[in-house]
Each structure stands twice: as structure tokens, then as C-alpha cells.
Amino acid sequence: MIYQSKKALVLLISNVAVFFYLYLGHLNKLHSNQVDALSLWGRFFLTLLFFLVITNIAVLVIFNLVNNLLSKNKAPTISDERDRLIELRAVRNLCFLMAAGFFLAMGALAIHQPISTMFTILALTVLVSAVISYASYIFYYERGY
């Protein structure tokens, strides 16, 4: 497995772990306190964004240190056209899924579902699109283009 695939796999695992940790904690707060669901969802998304950024930075630093110590595959210093093409394809997949999830969430509101359903769909869309993005990185790098 090459460096980029390992990095994507580590980030995938860390993002899924952070999401489920925060989401399950959020569900406990939501079920115990039905008074202000909108502010709880707002805090959840801001907390999710903050923790995903912080954990991605920390995980990348730790991954690079461990990878340099244990492996002969060093981090590439340059990116060529193939790397940029793979990144664009992965981002394209992420954007398509985020757009589909957004429209699905708006459709849930259009058929008179509770607002909590819309936010749940949006939260799961964030998770699924991140998983597909990192899986795309792994797939394209292992496939060779």
C-alpha cells in the first residue's frame, strides 16, 4: 500500500470514529432535552467541524511521524498531474454526495418530516461523503490513476 492510500485509510478511520463519538453523544443530549433541538443541532455541526479539523491535523502529524519511523515509504514532496487528477475525482465524488444529501434533506422537509429528520440526513450525508471521498482516494491510488 502506498503512502497516499495509508494516509487516506488512517484519516477515514479517524473521521468515522470522531463522527460516531460526537453523534452518539449528541443523540443522548437530544433525547434527554427536547426543549431546544435547533440549537443542539447547531452546536453539533459546529463541534463536528471543529473536532474533524483538529483531529485531522493531529492524526496527520502522528501518521507522518510513525510512517517515517517504521516505513521506507516517505511522504512525497511533489504532486504531479496524476495526484491532482485523483484529488479532483475524490472531491467530485464528495460534492455529488453532499449535493444529493442536501436535496434529500430538503425533500424530507417538503414531505412534512420533522426538522430533526433533515438534520439527521445532513449529518449522515457528511459521514457518507467523507467515507466515499477517502475510499475514492484509496481506490484511485491503488488502481493506478
Protein backbone atom coordinates (compact mmCIF):
# COMPACT_ATOMS: atom_id res chain seq x y z
CA MET A 1 0.00 0.00 0.00
CA ILE A 2 1.43 3.39 -0.94
CA TYR A 3 1.74 6.45 1.27
CA GLN A 4 -1.39 8.21 -0.04
CA SER A 5 -3.56 5.13 0.46
CA LYS A 6 -2.30 4.64 4.01
CA LYS A 7 -2.92 8.29 4.79
CA ALA A 8 -6.46 8.13 3.39
CA LEU A 9 -7.20 4.95 5.36
CA VAL A 10 -5.97 6.48 8.63
CA LEU A 11 -7.99 9.66 8.03
CA LEU A 12 -11.06 7.59 7.13
CA ILE A 13 -10.87 5.63 10.37
CA SER A 14 -10.29 8.73 12.49
CA ASN A 15 -13.13 10.68 10.85
CA VAL A 16 -15.60 7.83 11.31
CA ALA A 17 -14.56 7.40 14.96
CA VAL A 18 -14.89 11.14 15.69
CA PHE A 19 -18.24 11.34 13.93
CA PHE A 20 -19.77 8.42 15.81
CA TYR A 21 -18.39 9.60 19.14
CA LEU A 22 -19.90 13.06 18.68
CA TYR A 23 -23.12 11.84 17.05
CA LEU A 24 -23.94 9.29 19.75
CA GLY A 25 -23.26 11.88 22.44
CA HIS A 26 -25.46 14.33 20.57
CA LEU A 27 -28.31 11.81 20.34
CA ASN A 28 -28.17 11.30 24.10
CA LYS A 29 -28.43 15.08 24.65
CA LEU A 30 -31.22 15.35 22.09
CA HIS A 31 -33.35 12.62 23.68
CA SER A 32 -32.85 13.95 27.20
CA ASN A 33 -33.55 17.59 26.28
CA GLN A 34 -36.34 18.17 23.74
CA VAL A 35 -36.65 21.89 24.52
CA ASP A 36 -34.14 23.43 22.11
CA ALA A 37 -33.41 20.93 19.33
CA LEU A 38 -32.28 23.54 16.78
CA SER A 39 -29.56 24.97 19.00
CA LEU A 40 -28.41 21.42 19.85
CA TRP A 41 -28.10 20.61 16.13
CA GLY A 42 -26.25 23.86 15.50
CA ARG A 43 -23.80 23.09 18.30
CA PHE A 44 -23.39 19.56 16.97
CA PHE A 45 -22.39 20.72 13.48
CA LEU A 46 -20.01 23.38 14.79
CA THR A 47 -18.46 20.88 17.22
CA LEU A 48 -18.21 18.27 14.47
CA LEU A 49 -16.43 20.69 12.15
CA PHE A 50 -14.05 21.84 14.88
CA PHE A 51 -13.14 18.33 16.03
CA LEU A 52 -12.75 16.99 12.49
CA VAL A 53 -10.27 19.72 11.63
CA ILE A 54 -8.31 19.31 14.88
CA THR A 55 -8.23 15.50 14.70
CA ASN A 56 -7.24 15.52 11.02
CA ILE A 57 -4.27 17.76 11.81
CA ALA A 58 -3.25 15.68 14.83
CA VAL A 59 -3.71 12.37 13.01
CA LEU A 60 -1.67 13.57 10.03
CA VAL A 61 1.20 14.69 12.26
CA ILE A 62 1.20 11.39 14.17
CA PHE A 63 0.82 9.38 10.96
CA ASN A 64 3.77 11.13 9.32
CA LEU A 65 5.95 10.56 12.39
CA VAL A 66 5.06 6.87 12.64
CA ASN A 67 5.34 6.38 8.88
CA ASN A 68 8.82 7.93 8.82
CA LEU A 69 9.95 5.72 11.69
CA LEU A 70 8.51 2.42 10.52
CA SER A 71 8.40 2.57 6.75
CA LYS A 72 10.74 3.22 3.90
CA ASN A 73 7.92 4.99 2.02
CA LYS A 74 8.49 8.65 2.76
CA ALA A 75 5.90 11.33 2.17
CA PRO A 76 6.07 12.58 -1.42
CA THR A 77 7.35 16.11 -1.70
CA ILE A 78 5.79 16.92 -5.06
CA SER A 79 2.45 16.16 -6.62
CA ASP A 80 2.11 15.50 -10.30
CA GLU A 81 -0.86 15.57 -12.66
CA ARG A 82 -1.96 12.10 -11.58
CA ASP A 83 -2.12 13.17 -7.92
CA ARG A 84 -4.13 16.25 -8.79
CA LEU A 85 -6.47 14.22 -11.01
CA ILE A 86 -7.07 11.71 -8.23
CA GLU A 87 -7.76 14.53 -5.78
CA LEU A 88 -10.22 16.15 -8.20
CA ARG A 89 -12.05 12.85 -8.73
CA ALA A 90 -12.33 12.26 -4.99
CA VAL A 91 -13.59 15.80 -4.40
CA ARG A 92 -16.07 15.36 -7.26
CA ASN A 93 -17.47 12.24 -5.56
CA LEU A 94 -17.69 14.11 -2.24
CA CYS A 95 -19.53 17.04 -3.85
CA PHE A 96 -22.02 14.81 -5.66
CA LEU A 97 -22.89 13.02 -2.44
CA MET A 98 -23.15 16.24 -0.43
CA ALA A 99 -25.49 17.71 -3.05
CA ALA A 100 -27.60 14.55 -3.14
CA GLY A 101 -27.80 14.50 0.65
CA PHE A 102 -28.76 18.17 0.75
CA PHE A 103 -31.58 17.62 -1.73
CA LEU A 104 -32.70 14.53 0.17
CA ALA A 105 -32.81 16.57 3.39
CA MET A 106 -34.81 19.32 1.71
CA GLY A 107 -37.12 16.69 0.26
CA ALA A 108 -37.72 15.39 3.77
CA LEU A 109 -38.84 18.87 4.78
CA ALA A 110 -41.02 19.12 1.67
CA ILE A 111 -42.97 16.00 2.66
CA HIS A 112 -43.53 17.40 6.16
CA GLN A 113 -40.99 15.37 8.11
CA PRO A 114 -39.73 16.82 11.39
CA ILE A 115 -36.76 19.17 11.23
CA SER A 116 -34.76 16.65 13.22
CA THR A 117 -35.03 14.27 10.26
CA MET A 118 -33.50 16.89 7.99
CA PHE A 119 -30.55 17.42 10.33
CA THR A 120 -30.06 13.67 10.76
CA ILE A 121 -29.92 13.26 6.97
CA LEU A 122 -27.42 16.11 6.72
CA ALA A 123 -25.24 14.62 9.46
CA LEU A 124 -25.23 11.19 7.85
CA THR A 125 -24.51 12.82 4.49
CA VAL A 126 -21.38 14.40 5.95
CA LEU A 127 -20.24 10.99 7.18
CA VAL A 128 -21.03 9.10 3.97
CA SER A 129 -19.46 11.72 1.72
CA ALA A 130 -16.25 11.70 3.79
CA VAL A 131 -16.13 7.90 3.64
CA ILE A 132 -16.66 7.91 -0.12
CA SER A 133 -14.04 10.63 -0.57
CA TYR A 134 -11.34 8.70 1.29
CA ALA A 135 -12.42 5.43 -0.30
CA SER A 136 -12.08 7.15 -3.69
CA TYR A 137 -8.54 8.21 -2.82
CA ILE A 138 -7.67 4.64 -1.87
CA PHE A 139 -9.38 3.17 -4.93
CA TYR A 140 -7.80 5.53 -7.44
CA TYR A 141 -4.30 5.30 -5.96
CA GLU A 142 -4.39 1.52 -5.75
CA ARG A 143 -5.84 1.26 -9.24
CA GLY A 144 -3.09 3.45 -10.62
CA TYR A 145 -4.97 6.50 -11.86
